[in-house]
Amino acid sequence: MSAGTENANRVELEGTLAELGTLRHTPAGIAVIEFRIAHQSERPEAGARRKVHAEVQALAFDATARLIAGQALGARIRADGFLCARSRRSRVAVLHVTDIEFMQGE
């Protein structure tokens, strides 16, 4: 393993907004929103093309949360972020989106 990659945790995902929660605020007053990204693509695997269909639970804070809250379901997005456990009790991974791009007309 090369230096700097042993702790790598970066995700880039394109898809559509499949579910959009309500914008709310943490006790500290930071905007937060939960949403789901639906992804479809084809990827090479074991010498063949595999059709990939997945929905990923995601979460965003602050300015990114406010940007997402203003979008309609079905909007095409490219999200960058990292994976983190949903909570101390649930080890299920959730994508924490730190940067988002809205893809118009693609």
Protein backbone atom coordinates (compact mmCIF):
# COMPACT_ATOMS: atom_id res chain seq x y z
CA MET A 1 0.00 0.00 0.00
CA SER A 2 1.39 3.39 -0.91
CA ALA A 3 1.62 6.24 1.58
CA GLY A 4 -1.59 8.23 1.94
CA THR A 5 -3.91 5.53 0.56
CA GLU A 6 -4.25 3.32 3.63
CA ASN A 7 -6.89 5.69 5.02
CA ALA A 8 -8.50 6.54 1.68
CA ASN A 9 -12.24 7.16 1.85
CA ARG A 10 -13.44 9.10 -1.18
CA VAL A 11 -16.56 8.43 -3.23
CA GLU A 12 -17.68 10.01 -6.51
CA LEU A 13 -21.14 9.01 -7.72
CA GLU A 14 -23.41 10.17 -10.55
CA GLY A 15 -27.12 9.54 -10.53
CA THR A 16 -30.51 11.05 -9.90
CA LEU A 17 -32.21 12.26 -6.74
CA ALA A 18 -34.49 9.33 -5.91
CA GLU A 19 -35.66 10.53 -2.49
CA LEU A 20 -35.36 13.88 -0.77
CA GLY A 21 -35.93 14.46 2.92
CA THR A 22 -36.88 17.70 4.61
CA LEU A 23 -34.19 20.28 5.29
CA ARG A 24 -33.71 20.43 9.05
CA HIS A 25 -31.11 21.85 11.43
CA THR A 26 -28.82 20.28 14.01
CA PRO A 27 -28.92 21.55 17.62
CA ALA A 28 -25.94 23.74 16.63
CA GLY A 29 -28.03 25.32 13.85
CA ILE A 30 -26.30 23.62 10.89
CA ALA A 31 -28.55 22.72 7.95
CA VAL A 32 -28.76 18.98 7.20
CA ILE A 33 -30.69 16.91 4.67
CA GLU A 34 -31.00 13.18 4.02
CA PHE A 35 -31.55 11.95 0.47
CA ARG A 36 -31.04 8.95 -1.79
CA ILE A 37 -29.10 8.79 -5.06
CA ALA A 38 -30.17 6.27 -7.73
CA HIS A 39 -27.26 5.16 -9.92
CA GLN A 40 -27.22 3.19 -13.19
CA SER A 41 -24.20 2.36 -15.32
CA GLU A 42 -22.22 -0.40 -16.97
CA ARG A 43 -18.87 -1.41 -15.51
CA PRO A 44 -16.27 -3.98 -16.58
CA GLU A 45 -16.05 -6.97 -14.27
CA ALA A 46 -14.36 -10.35 -14.83
CA GLY A 47 -13.89 -9.65 -18.54
CA ALA A 48 -17.52 -8.70 -19.20
CA ARG A 49 -19.78 -5.65 -18.91
CA ARG A 50 -21.99 -5.63 -15.87
CA LYS A 51 -25.15 -3.52 -15.55
CA VAL A 52 -25.02 -1.69 -12.24
CA HIS A 53 -28.17 -0.48 -10.46
CA ALA A 54 -27.91 0.84 -6.92
CA GLU A 55 -29.49 3.34 -4.56
CA VAL A 56 -27.24 4.97 -2.00
CA GLN A 57 -28.40 6.71 1.17
CA ALA A 58 -26.73 10.12 1.47
CA LEU A 59 -26.50 13.07 3.83
CA ALA A 60 -25.29 16.65 3.37
CA PHE A 61 -24.69 19.58 5.68
CA ASP A 62 -24.59 23.37 5.54
CA ALA A 63 -24.49 25.03 2.09
CA THR A 64 -24.51 21.67 0.27
CA ALA A 65 -27.68 20.67 2.14
CA ARG A 66 -29.40 23.91 1.15
CA LEU A 67 -28.43 23.39 -2.52
CA ILE A 68 -29.84 19.86 -2.54
CA ALA A 69 -33.04 20.93 -0.77
CA GLY A 70 -33.86 23.23 -3.69
CA GLN A 71 -33.74 20.44 -6.28
CA ALA A 72 -36.57 18.33 -7.65
CA LEU A 73 -36.72 14.54 -7.55
CA GLY A 74 -35.12 13.12 -10.67
CA ALA A 75 -32.47 15.87 -10.88
CA ARG A 76 -29.17 14.54 -12.26
CA ILE A 77 -26.26 15.02 -9.90
CA ARG A 78 -22.59 14.22 -9.42
CA ALA A 79 -21.77 13.87 -5.72
CA ASP A 80 -18.36 13.70 -4.04
CA GLY A 81 -17.91 12.71 -0.43
CA PHE A 82 -16.95 9.96 1.98
CA LEU A 83 -18.57 6.96 3.68
CA CYS A 84 -19.40 7.00 7.39
CA ALA A 85 -21.50 4.83 9.69
CA ARG A 86 -25.09 6.04 10.02
CA SER A 87 -24.72 6.34 13.81
CA ARG A 88 -22.86 4.92 16.78
CA ARG A 89 -25.42 2.11 16.93
CA SER A 90 -25.73 1.42 13.19
CA ARG A 91 -22.65 0.52 11.17
CA VAL A 92 -24.56 0.85 7.87
CA ALA A 93 -22.56 3.13 5.55
CA VAL A 94 -24.03 6.46 4.44
CA LEU A 95 -22.48 8.74 1.82
CA HIS A 96 -21.66 12.12 3.37
CA VAL A 97 -21.73 14.49 0.38
CA THR A 98 -19.22 17.32 0.62
CA ASP A 99 -19.46 18.62 -2.95
CA ILE A 100 -22.30 18.40 -5.46
CA GLU A 101 -22.72 19.30 -9.11
CA PHE A 102 -26.08 19.52 -10.84
CA MET A 103 -25.91 18.22 -14.41
CA GLN A 104 -28.33 20.08 -16.64
CA GLY A 105 -29.30 18.70 -20.05
CA GLU A 106 -27.15 15.56 -19.88
